[in-house]
């Protein structure tokens, strides 16, 4: 593997790890279900996609790379759809939205 591909794969994996850490911070710090689901829906999806892309670049042109790209497509399709379904069910179920005390 060339040095440029090695650096690219590590950069993609590190960027993905950063977005996953941001996702965890969002789950821990944000006040309600809707804000937390937004943090998870955006950054966790992007972090997973970047890590899988980095692994595919690192792996090279093999059968396992095709499997990684299949997993990447499935995550890209199902993760935002699942988050949307959960938040829509929460809205229909009457889960209240967090409102800052000063705004009431």
PDB file of N, CA and C in Angstrom:
ATOM      1  N   UNK A   1       0.847  -1.175   0.000  1.00  0.00           N
ATOM      2  CA  UNK A   1       0.000   0.000   0.000  1.00  0.00           C
ATOM      3  C   UNK A   1       0.889   1.233   0.000  1.00  0.00           C
ATOM      4  N   UNK A   2       0.486   2.208  -0.760  1.00  0.00           N
ATOM      5  CA  UNK A   2       1.295   3.417  -0.829  1.00  0.00           C
ATOM      6  C   UNK A   2       1.088   4.272   0.414  1.00  0.00           C
ATOM      7  N   UNK A   3       2.021   5.132   0.638  1.00  0.00           N
ATOM      8  CA  UNK A   3       1.970   6.009   1.805  1.00  0.00           C
ATOM      9  C   UNK A   3       0.777   6.952   1.735  1.00  0.00           C
ATOM     10  N   UNK A   4       0.451   7.435   0.541  1.00  0.00           N
ATOM     11  CA  UNK A   4      -0.675   8.363   0.398  1.00  0.00           C
ATOM     12  C   UNK A   4      -1.995   7.694   0.768  1.00  0.00           C
ATOM     13  N   UNK A   5      -2.197   6.447   0.337  1.00  0.00           N
ATOM     14  CA  UNK A   5      -3.427   5.733   0.701  1.00  0.00           C
ATOM     15  C   UNK A   5      -3.470   5.415   2.183  1.00  0.00           C
ATOM     16  N   UNK A   6      -2.315   5.127   2.750  1.00  0.00           N
ATOM     17  CA  UNK A   6      -2.253   4.863   4.185  1.00  0.00           C
ATOM     18  C   UNK A   6      -2.627   6.115   4.978  1.00  0.00           C
ATOM     19  N   UNK A   7      -2.106   7.244   4.569  1.00  0.00           N
ATOM     20  CA  UNK A   7      -2.425   8.507   5.248  1.00  0.00           C
ATOM     21  C   UNK A   7      -3.905   8.849   5.057  1.00  0.00           C
ATOM     22  N   UNK A   8      -4.436   8.636   3.854  1.00  0.00           N
ATOM     23  CA  UNK A   8      -5.848   8.904   3.596  1.00  0.00           C
ATOM     24  C   UNK A   8      -6.745   8.018   4.443  1.00  0.00           C
ATOM     25  N   UNK A   9      -6.411   6.750   4.543  1.00  0.00           N
ATOM     26  CA  UNK A   9      -7.248   5.845   5.333  1.00  0.00           C
ATOM     27  C   UNK A   9      -7.230   6.214   6.811  1.00  0.00           C
ATOM     28  N   UNK A  10      -6.077   6.553   7.334  1.00  0.00           N
ATOM     29  CA  UNK A  10      -5.998   6.964   8.741  1.00  0.00           C
ATOM     30  C   UNK A  10      -6.705   8.292   8.973  1.00  0.00           C
ATOM     31  N   UNK A  11      -6.622   9.209   8.020  1.00  0.00           N
ATOM     32  CA  UNK A  11      -7.325  10.488   8.162  1.00  0.00           C
ATOM     33  C   UNK A  11      -8.839  10.268   8.181  1.00  0.00           C
ATOM     34  N   UNK A  12      -9.336   9.395   7.313  1.00  0.00           N
ATOM     35  CA  UNK A  12     -10.767   9.092   7.295  1.00  0.00           C
ATOM     36  C   UNK A  12     -11.212   8.424   8.595  1.00  0.00           C
ATOM     37  N   UNK A  13     -10.422   7.483   9.078  1.00  0.00           N
ATOM     38  CA  UNK A  13     -10.793   6.801  10.319  1.00  0.00           C
ATOM     39  C   UNK A  13     -10.732   7.733  11.524  1.00  0.00           C
ATOM     40  N   UNK A  14      -9.755   8.623  11.563  1.00  0.00           N
ATOM     41  CA  UNK A  14      -9.663   9.583  12.670  1.00  0.00           C
ATOM     42  C   UNK A  14     -10.813  10.586  12.622  1.00  0.00           C
ATOM     43  N   UNK A  15     -11.177  11.026  11.427  1.00  0.00           N
ATOM     44  CA  UNK A  15     -12.316  11.934  11.292  1.00  0.00           C
ATOM     45  C   UNK A  15     -13.607  11.229  11.725  1.00  0.00           C
ATOM     46  N   UNK A  16     -13.750   9.974  11.362  1.00  0.00           N
ATOM     47  CA  UNK A  16     -14.919   9.207  11.794  1.00  0.00           C
ATOM     48  C   UNK A  16     -14.964   9.035  13.300  1.00  0.00           C
ATOM     49  N   UNK A  17     -13.809   8.771  13.906  1.00  0.00           N
ATOM     50  CA  UNK A  17     -13.761   8.636  15.364  1.00  0.00           C
ATOM     51  C   UNK A  17     -14.124   9.961  16.035  1.00  0.00           C
ATOM     52  N   UNK A  18     -13.693  11.075  15.454  1.00  0.00           N
ATOM     53  CA  UNK A  18     -14.047  12.384  15.993  1.00  0.00           C
ATOM     54  C   UNK A  18     -15.559  12.579  15.987  1.00  0.00           C
ATOM     55  N   UNK A  19     -16.213  12.256  14.879  1.00  0.00           N
ATOM     56  CA  UNK A  19     -17.657  12.437  14.817  1.00  0.00           C
ATOM     57  C   UNK A  19     -18.390  11.485  15.760  1.00  0.00           C
ATOM     58  N   UNK A  20     -17.872  10.301  15.990  1.00  0.00           N
ATOM     59  CA  UNK A  20     -18.492   9.403  16.959  1.00  0.00           C
ATOM     60  C   UNK A  20     -18.351   9.931  18.383  1.00  0.00           C
ATOM     61  N   UNK A  21     -17.211  10.546  18.686  1.00  0.00           N
ATOM     62  CA  UNK A  21     -17.035  11.171  20.014  1.00  0.00           C
ATOM     63  C   UNK A  21     -17.993  12.350  20.168  1.00  0.00           C
ATOM     64  N   UNK A  22     -18.175  13.133  19.111  1.00  0.00           N
ATOM     65  CA  UNK A  22     -19.138  14.239  19.149  1.00  0.00           C
ATOM     66  C   UNK A  22     -20.547  13.695  19.387  1.00  0.00           C
ATOM     67  N   UNK A  23     -20.864  12.574  18.788  1.00  0.00           N
ATOM     68  CA  UNK A  23     -22.169  11.955  18.982  1.00  0.00           C
ATOM     69  C   UNK A  23     -22.378  11.542  20.433  1.00  0.00           C
ATOM     70  N   UNK A  24     -21.360  10.965  21.031  1.00  0.00           N
ATOM     71  CA  UNK A  24     -21.448  10.579  22.444  1.00  0.00           C
ATOM     72  C   UNK A  24     -21.602  11.815  23.327  1.00  0.00           C
ATOM     73  N   UNK A  25     -20.864  12.862  23.019  1.00  0.00           N
ATOM     74  CA  UNK A  25     -20.987  14.106  23.788  1.00  0.00           C
ATOM     75  C   UNK A  25     -22.391  14.678  23.649  1.00  0.00           C
ATOM     76  N   UNK A  26     -22.974  14.579  22.463  1.00  0.00           N
ATOM     77  CA  UNK A  26     -24.335  15.058  22.262  1.00  0.00           C
ATOM     78  C   UNK A  26     -25.343  14.274  23.073  1.00  0.00           C
ATOM     79  N   UNK A  27     -25.154  12.977  23.164  1.00  0.00           N
ATOM     80  CA  UNK A  27     -26.071  12.157  23.960  1.00  0.00           C
ATOM     81  C   UNK A  27     -25.962  12.538  25.444  1.00  0.00           C
ATOM     82  N   UNK A  28     -24.765  12.787  25.908  1.00  0.00           N
ATOM     83  CA  UNK A  28     -24.570  13.084  27.322  1.00  0.00           C
ATOM     84  C   UNK A  28     -24.959  14.514  27.695  1.00  0.00           C
ATOM     85  N   UNK A  29     -24.797  15.469  26.795  1.00  0.00           N
ATOM     86  CA  UNK A  29     -24.950  16.870  27.148  1.00  0.00           C
ATOM     87  C   UNK A  29     -26.284  17.501  26.759  1.00  0.00           C
ATOM     88  N   UNK A  30     -26.941  17.012  25.750  1.00  0.00           N
ATOM     89  CA  UNK A  30     -28.156  17.672  25.272  1.00  0.00           C
ATOM     90  C   UNK A  30     -29.356  17.331  26.148  1.00  0.00           C
ATOM     91  N   UNK A  31     -30.341  18.235  26.227  1.00  0.00           N
ATOM     92  CA  UNK A  31     -31.357  18.133  27.270  1.00  0.00           C
ATOM     93  C   UNK A  31     -32.511  17.167  27.022  1.00  0.00           C
ATOM     94  N   UNK A  32     -32.956  16.966  25.792  1.00  0.00           N
ATOM     95  CA  UNK A  32     -34.134  16.127  25.598  1.00  0.00           C
ATOM     96  C   UNK A  32     -33.932  15.123  24.465  1.00  0.00           C
ATOM     97  N   UNK A  33     -34.951  14.310  24.282  1.00  0.00           N
ATOM     98  CA  UNK A  33     -34.884  13.232  23.299  1.00  0.00           C
ATOM     99  C   UNK A  33     -34.662  13.748  21.888  1.00  0.00           C
ATOM    100  N   UNK A  34     -35.324  14.835  21.533  1.00  0.00           N
ATOM    101  CA  UNK A  34     -35.257  15.328  20.162  1.00  0.00           C
ATOM    102  C   UNK A  34     -33.872  15.881  19.828  1.00  0.00           C
ATOM    103  N   UNK A  35     -33.281  16.609  20.747  1.00  0.00           N
ATOM    104  CA  UNK A  35     -31.927  17.125  20.518  1.00  0.00           C
ATOM    105  C   UNK A  35     -30.917  15.982  20.484  1.00  0.00           C
ATOM    106  N   UNK A  36     -31.096  15.012  21.356  1.00  0.00           N
ATOM    107  CA  UNK A  36     -30.182  13.860  21.365  1.00  0.00           C
ATOM    108  C   UNK A  36     -30.303  13.040  20.095  1.00  0.00           C
ATOM    109  N   UNK A  37     -31.520  12.842  19.630  1.00  0.00           N
ATOM    110  CA  UNK A  37     -31.688  12.060  18.408  1.00  0.00           C
ATOM    111  C   UNK A  37     -31.121  12.806  17.201  1.00  0.00           C
ATOM    112  N   UNK A  38     -31.170  14.121  17.224  1.00  0.00           N
ATOM    113  CA  UNK A  38     -30.565  14.898  16.138  1.00  0.00           C
ATOM    114  C   UNK A  38     -29.046  14.715  16.142  1.00  0.00           C
ATOM    115  N   UNK A  39     -28.445  14.755  17.329  1.00  0.00           N
ATOM    116  CA  UNK A  39     -26.992  14.576  17.432  1.00  0.00           C
ATOM    117  C   UNK A  39     -26.578  13.186  16.961  1.00  0.00           C
ATOM    118  N   UNK A  40     -27.340  12.196  17.365  1.00  0.00           N
ATOM    119  CA  UNK A  40     -27.011  10.832  16.965  1.00  0.00           C
ATOM    120  C   UNK A  40     -27.264  10.627  15.478  1.00  0.00           C
ATOM    121  N   UNK A  41     -28.359  11.148  14.981  1.00  0.00           N
ATOM    122  CA  UNK A  41     -28.715  10.937  13.585  1.00  0.00           C
ATOM    123  C   UNK A  41     -27.708  11.530  12.619  1.00  0.00           C
ATOM    124  N   UNK A  42     -27.152  12.652  12.964  1.00  0.00           N
ATOM    125  CA  UNK A  42     -26.205  13.314  12.060  1.00  0.00           C
ATOM    126  C   UNK A  42     -24.783  12.797  12.249  1.00  0.00           C
ATOM    127  N   UNK A  43     -24.247  12.974  13.441  1.00  0.00           N
ATOM    128  CA  UNK A  43     -22.817  12.711  13.618  1.00  0.00           C
ATOM    129  C   UNK A  43     -22.482  11.213  13.677  1.00  0.00           C
ATOM    130  N   UNK A  44     -23.376  10.414  14.196  1.00  0.00           N
ATOM    131  CA  UNK A  44     -23.075   8.977  14.260  1.00  0.00           C
ATOM    132  C   UNK A  44     -23.092   8.355  12.867  1.00  0.00           C
ATOM    133  N   UNK A  45     -24.022   8.813  12.036  1.00  0.00           N
ATOM    134  CA  UNK A  45     -24.062   8.310  10.669  1.00  0.00           C
ATOM    135  C   UNK A  45     -22.804   8.707   9.909  1.00  0.00           C
ATOM    136  N   UNK A  46     -22.441   9.977  10.001  1.00  0.00           N
ATOM    137  CA  UNK A  46     -21.245  10.441   9.303  1.00  0.00           C
ATOM    138  C   UNK A  46     -19.991   9.759   9.842  1.00  0.00           C
ATOM    139  N   UNK A  47     -19.883   9.604  11.159  1.00  0.00           N
ATOM    140  CA  UNK A  47     -18.719   8.939  11.744  1.00  0.00           C
ATOM    141  C   UNK A  47     -18.588   7.496  11.291  1.00  0.00           C
ATOM    142  N   UNK A  48     -19.700   6.783  11.262  1.00  0.00           N
ATOM    143  CA  UNK A  48     -19.665   5.388  10.808  1.00  0.00           C
ATOM    144  C   UNK A  48     -19.277   5.288   9.344  1.00  0.00           C
ATOM    145  N   UNK A  49     -19.826   6.185   8.531  1.00  0.00           N
ATOM    146  CA  UNK A  49     -19.504   6.161   7.103  1.00  0.00           C
ATOM    147  C   UNK A  49     -18.034   6.482   6.857  1.00  0.00           C
ATOM    148  N   UNK A  50     -17.487   7.442   7.596  1.00  0.00           N
ATOM    149  CA  UNK A  50     -16.076   7.779   7.421  1.00  0.00           C
ATOM    150  C   UNK A  50     -15.165   6.637   7.862  1.00  0.00           C
ATOM    151  N   UNK A  51     -15.496   5.994   8.960  1.00  0.00           N
ATOM    152  CA  UNK A  51     -14.665   4.879   9.425  1.00  0.00           C
ATOM    153  C   UNK A  51     -14.720   3.715   8.434  1.00  0.00           C
ATOM    154  N   UNK A  52     -15.904   3.397   7.943  1.00  0.00           N
ATOM    155  CA  UNK A  52     -16.008   2.304   6.966  1.00  0.00           C
ATOM    156  C   UNK A  52     -15.293   2.642   5.663  1.00  0.00           C
ATOM    157  N   UNK A  53     -15.362   3.897   5.233  1.00  0.00           N
ATOM    158  CA  UNK A  53     -14.634   4.301   4.030  1.00  0.00           C
ATOM    159  C   UNK A  53     -13.133   4.202   4.257  1.00  0.00           C
ATOM    160  N   UNK A  54     -12.665   4.625   5.434  1.00  0.00           N
ATOM    161  CA  UNK A  54     -11.248   4.509   5.764  1.00  0.00           C
ATOM    162  C   UNK A  54     -10.787   3.062   5.796  1.00  0.00           C
ATOM    163  N   UNK A  55     -11.619   2.190   6.336  1.00  0.00           N
ATOM    164  CA  UNK A  55     -11.271   0.763   6.351  1.00  0.00           C
ATOM    165  C   UNK A  55     -11.228   0.185   4.941  1.00  0.00           C
ATOM    166  N   UNK A  56     -12.143   0.615   4.086  1.00  0.00           N
ATOM    167  CA  UNK A  56     -12.150   0.126   2.708  1.00  0.00           C
ATOM    168  C   UNK A  56     -10.908   0.599   1.958  1.00  0.00           C
ATOM    169  N   UNK A  57     -10.514   1.848   2.165  1.00  0.00           N
ATOM    170  CA  UNK A  57      -9.298   2.357   1.520  1.00  0.00           C
ATOM    171  C   UNK A  57      -8.074   1.618   2.047  1.00  0.00           C
ATOM    172  N   UNK A  58      -8.057   1.377   3.337  1.00  0.00           N
ATOM    173  CA  UNK A  58      -6.920   0.673   3.946  1.00  0.00           C
ATOM    174  C   UNK A  58      -6.833  -0.781   3.464  1.00  0.00           C
ATOM    175  N   UNK A  59      -7.981  -1.401   3.248  1.00  0.00           N
ATOM    176  CA  UNK A  59      -8.023  -2.802   2.859  1.00  0.00           C
ATOM    177  C   UNK A  59      -7.588  -3.020   1.412  1.00  0.00           C
ATOM    178  N   UNK A  60      -7.822  -2.049   0.564  1.00  0.00           N
ATOM    179  CA  UNK A  60      -7.456  -2.223  -0.840  1.00  0.00           C
ATOM    180  C   UNK A  60      -8.589  -2.858  -1.624  1.00  0.00           C
ATOM    181  N   UNK A  61      -8.276  -3.316  -2.815  1.00  0.00           N
ATOM    182  CA  UNK A  61      -9.282  -3.878  -3.717  1.00  0.00           C
ATOM    183  C   UNK A  61      -9.396  -5.378  -3.470  1.00  0.00           C
ATOM    184  N   UNK A  62     -10.330  -5.756  -2.578  1.00  0.00           N
ATOM    185  CA  UNK A  62     -10.559  -7.156  -2.233  1.00  0.00           C
ATOM    186  C   UNK A  62     -12.052  -7.391  -2.046  1.00  0.00           C
ATOM    187  N   UNK A  63     -12.410  -8.630  -1.775  1.00  0.00           N
ATOM    188  CA  UNK A  63     -13.808  -8.973  -1.522  1.00  0.00           C
ATOM    189  C   UNK A  63     -14.308  -8.315  -0.250  1.00  0.00           C
ATOM    190  N   UNK A  64     -13.444  -8.209   0.752  1.00  0.00           N
ATOM    191  CA  UNK A  64     -13.846  -7.573   2.001  1.00  0.00           C
ATOM    192  C   UNK A  64     -14.184  -6.097   1.806  1.00  0.00           C
ATOM    193  N   UNK A  65     -13.558  -5.453   0.856  1.00  0.00           N
ATOM    194  CA  UNK A  65     -13.867  -4.054   0.559  1.00  0.00           C
ATOM    195  C   UNK A  65     -15.282  -3.933   0.011  1.00  0.00           C
ATOM    196  N   UNK A  66     -15.691  -4.860  -0.823  1.00  0.00           N
ATOM    197  CA  UNK A  66     -17.061  -4.853  -1.334  1.00  0.00           C
ATOM    198  C   UNK A  66     -18.061  -5.048  -0.194  1.00  0.00           C
ATOM    199  N   UNK A  67     -17.720  -5.899   0.746  1.00  0.00           N
ATOM    200  CA  UNK A  67     -18.588  -6.095   1.908  1.00  0.00           C
ATOM    201  C   UNK A  67     -18.677  -4.823   2.747  1.00  0.00           C
ATOM    202  N   UNK A  68     -17.552  -4.134   2.908  1.00  0.00           N
ATOM    203  CA  UNK A  68     -17.560  -2.871   3.652  1.00  0.00           C
ATOM    204  C   UNK A  68     -18.434  -1.827   2.961  1.00  0.00           C
ATOM    205  N   UNK A  69     -18.365  -1.766   1.632  1.00  0.00           N
ATOM    206  CA  UNK A  69     -19.204  -0.818   0.916  1.00  0.00           C
ATOM    207  C   UNK A  69     -20.686  -1.189   0.998  1.00  0.00           C
ATOM    208  N   UNK A  70     -20.996  -2.465   1.048  1.00  0.00           N
ATOM    209  CA  UNK A  70     -22.380  -2.887   1.241  1.00  0.00           C
ATOM    210  C   UNK A  70     -22.883  -2.457   2.621  1.00  0.00           C
ATOM    211  N   UNK A  71     -22.070  -2.644   3.641  1.00  0.00           N
ATOM    212  CA  UNK A  71     -22.432  -2.192   4.986  1.00  0.00           C
ATOM    213  C   UNK A  71     -22.587  -0.670   5.010  1.00  0.00           C
ATOM    214  N   UNK A  72     -21.714   0.029   4.301  1.00  0.00           N
ATOM    215  CA  UNK A  72     -21.776   1.483   4.227  1.00  0.00           C
ATOM    216  C   UNK A  72     -23.104   1.943   3.622  1.00  0.00           C
ATOM    217  N   UNK A  73     -23.525   1.306   2.554  1.00  0.00           N
ATOM    218  CA  UNK A  73     -24.796   1.672   1.917  1.00  0.00           C
ATOM    219  C   UNK A  73     -25.970   1.375   2.843  1.00  0.00           C
ATOM    220  N   UNK A  74     -25.927   0.248   3.520  1.00  0.00           N
ATOM    221  CA  UNK A  74     -27.015  -0.099   4.440  1.00  0.00           C
ATOM    222  C   UNK A  74     -27.097   0.889   5.601  1.00  0.00           C
ATOM    223  N   UNK A  75     -25.968   1.288   6.164  1.00  0.00           N
ATOM    224  CA  UNK A  75     -25.980   2.263   7.252  1.00  0.00           C
ATOM    225  C   UNK A  75     -26.476   3.610   6.752  1.00  0.00           C
ATOM    226  N   UNK A  76     -26.037   4.021   5.576  1.00  0.00           N
ATOM    227  CA  UNK A  76     -26.463   5.305   5.022  1.00  0.00           C
ATOM    228  C   UNK A  76     -27.971   5.340   4.780  1.00  0.00           C
ATOM    229  N   UNK A  77     -28.567   4.202   4.484  1.00  0.00           N
ATOM    230  CA  UNK A  77     -30.002   4.159   4.221  1.00  0.00           C
ATOM    231  C   UNK A  77     -30.831   3.978   5.493  1.00  0.00           C
ATOM    232  N   UNK A  78     -30.370   3.150   6.409  1.00  0.00           N
ATOM    233  CA  UNK A  78     -31.202   2.789   7.549  1.00  0.00           C
ATOM    234  C   UNK A  78     -31.046   3.700   8.762  1.00  0.00           C
ATOM    235  N   UNK A  79     -29.886   4.261   8.986  1.00  0.00           N
ATOM    236  CA  UNK A  79     -29.684   5.061  10.192  1.00  0.00           C
ATOM    237  C   UNK A  79     -30.542   6.329  10.199  1.00  0.00           C
ATOM    238  N   UNK A  80     -30.517   7.160   9.166  1.00  0.00           N
ATOM    239  CA  UNK A  80     -31.394   8.336   9.190  1.00  0.00           C
ATOM    240  C   UNK A  80     -32.886   7.972   9.190  1.00  0.00           C
ATOM    241  N   UNK A  81     -33.229   6.884   8.509  1.00  0.00           N
ATOM    242  CA  UNK A  81     -34.621   6.450   8.484  1.00  0.00           C
ATOM    243  C   UNK A  81     -35.085   6.006   9.866  1.00  0.00           C
ATOM    244  N   UNK A  82     -34.230   5.288  10.572  1.00  0.00           N
ATOM    245  CA  UNK A  82     -34.569   4.849  11.921  1.00  0.00           C
ATOM    246  C   UNK A  82     -34.718   6.003  12.896  1.00  0.00           C
ATOM    247  N   UNK A  83     -33.822   6.973  12.821  1.00  0.00           N
ATOM    248  CA  UNK A  83     -33.914   8.144  13.697  1.00  0.00           C
ATOM    249  C   UNK A  83     -35.186   8.929  13.395  1.00  0.00           C
ATOM    250  N   UNK A  84     -35.497   9.085  12.106  1.00  0.00           N
ATOM    251  CA  UNK A  84     -36.717   9.798  11.727  1.00  0.00           C
ATOM    252  C   UNK A  84     -37.954   9.079  12.263  1.00  0.00           C
ATOM    253  N   UNK A  85     -37.975   7.761  12.166  1.00  0.00           N
ATOM    254  CA  UNK A  85     -39.111   6.984  12.647  1.00  0.00           C
ATOM    255  C   UNK A  85     -39.264   7.115  14.156  1.00  0.00           C
ATOM    256  N   UNK A  86     -38.158   7.059  14.883  1.00  0.00           N
ATOM    257  CA  UNK A  86     -38.222   7.197  16.342  1.00  0.00           C
ATOM    258  C   UNK A  86     -38.717   8.575  16.764  1.00  0.00           C
ATOM    259  N   UNK A  87     -38.216   9.626  16.139  1.00  0.00           N
ATOM    260  CA  UNK A  87     -38.649  10.967  16.528  1.00  0.00           C
ATOM    261  C   UNK A  87     -40.105  11.218  16.126  1.00  0.00           C
ATOM    262  N   UNK A  88     -40.520  10.684  15.001  1.00  0.00           N
ATOM    263  CA  UNK A  88     -41.926  10.843  14.608  1.00  0.00           C
ATOM    264  C   UNK A  88     -42.847  10.108  15.576  1.00  0.00           C
ATOM    265  N   UNK A  89     -42.444   8.934  16.027  1.00  0.00           N
ATOM    266  CA  UNK A  89     -43.236   8.208  17.017  1.00  0.00           C
ATOM    267  C   UNK A  89     -43.281   8.967  18.344  1.00  0.00           C
ATOM    268  N   UNK A  90     -42.179   9.617  18.699  1.00  0.00           N
ATOM    269  CA  UNK A  90     -42.166  10.402  19.936  1.00  0.00           C
ATOM    270  C   UNK A  90     -43.095  11.607  19.831  1.00  0.00           C
ATOM    271  N   UNK A  91     -43.128  12.250  18.681  1.00  0.00           N
ATOM    272  CA  UNK A  91     -44.028  13.388  18.487  1.00  0.00           C
ATOM    273  C   UNK A  91     -45.477  12.932  18.546  1.00  0.00           C
ATOM    274  N   UNK A  92     -45.776  11.852  17.848  1.00  0.00           N
ATOM    275  CA  UNK A  92     -47.150  11.335  17.858  1.00  0.00           C
ATOM    276  C   UNK A  92     -47.552  10.802  19.219  1.00  0.00           C
ATOM    277  N   UNK A  93     -46.586  10.336  19.985  1.00  0.00           N
ATOM    278  CA  UNK A  93     -46.879   9.839  21.323  1.00  0.00           C
ATOM    279  C   UNK A  93     -47.031  10.938  22.361  1.00  0.00           C
ATOM    280  N   UNK A  94     -46.747  12.167  21.974  1.00  0.00           N
ATOM    281  CA  UNK A  94     -46.942  13.283  22.893  1.00  0.00           C
ATOM    282  C   UNK A  94     -45.756  13.603  23.777  1.00  0.00           C
ATOM    283  N   UNK A  95     -44.586  13.169  23.418  1.00  0.00           N
ATOM    284  CA  UNK A  95     -43.402  13.490  24.215  1.00  0.00           C
ATOM    285  C   UNK A  95     -43.142  14.989  24.140  1.00  0.00           C
ATOM    286  N   UNK A  96     -43.065  15.655  25.284  1.00  0.00           N
ATOM    287  CA  UNK A  96     -42.905  17.108  25.244  1.00  0.00           C
ATOM    288  C   UNK A  96     -41.501  17.518  24.808  1.00  0.00           C
ATOM    289  N   UNK A  97     -41.444  18.656  24.135  1.00  0.00           N
ATOM    290  CA  UNK A  97     -40.188  19.230  23.703  1.00  0.00           C
ATOM    291  C   UNK A  97     -39.629  20.080  24.830  1.00  0.00           C
ATOM    292  N   UNK A  98     -38.332  19.985  25.070  1.00  0.00           N
ATOM    293  CA  UNK A  98     -37.692  20.765  26.126  1.00  0.00           C
ATOM    294  C   UNK A  98     -37.711  22.242  25.767  1.00  0.00           C
ATOM    295  N   UNK A  99     -38.106  23.071  26.747  1.00  0.00           N
ATOM    296  CA  UNK A  99     -38.120  24.508  26.555  1.00  0.00           C
ATOM    297  C   UNK A  99     -37.312  25.127  27.681  1.00  0.00           C
ATOM    298  N   UNK A 100     -36.444  26.049  27.325  1.00  0.00           N
ATOM    299  CA  UNK A 100     -35.595  26.718  28.310  1.00  0.00           C
ATOM    300  C   UNK A 100     -36.469  27.511  29.287  1.00  0.00           C
ATOM    301  N   UNK A 101     -36.124  27.512  30.578  1.00  0.00           N
ATOM    302  CA  UNK A 101     -36.929  28.164  31.609  1.00  0.00           C
ATOM    303  C   UNK A 101     -37.139  29.647  31.327  1.00  0.00           C
ATOM    304  N   UNK A 102     -36.156  30.330  30.792  1.00  0.00           N
ATOM    305  CA  UNK A 102     -36.262  31.762  30.540  1.00  0.00           C
ATOM    306  C   UNK A 102     -37.242  32.075  29.424  1.00  0.00           C
ATOM    307  N   UNK A 103     -37.486  31.117  28.539  1.00  0.00           N
ATOM    308  CA  UNK A 103     -38.366  31.339  27.393  1.00  0.00           C
ATOM    309  C   UNK A 103     -39.829  31.101  27.709  1.00  0.00           C
ATOM    310  N   UNK A 104     -40.130  30.567  28.865  1.00  0.00           N
ATOM    311  CA  UNK A 104     -41.528  30.258  29.214  1.00  0.00           C
ATOM    312  C   UNK A 104     -42.283  31.466  29.622  1.00  0.00           C
TER     313      UNK A 104
END
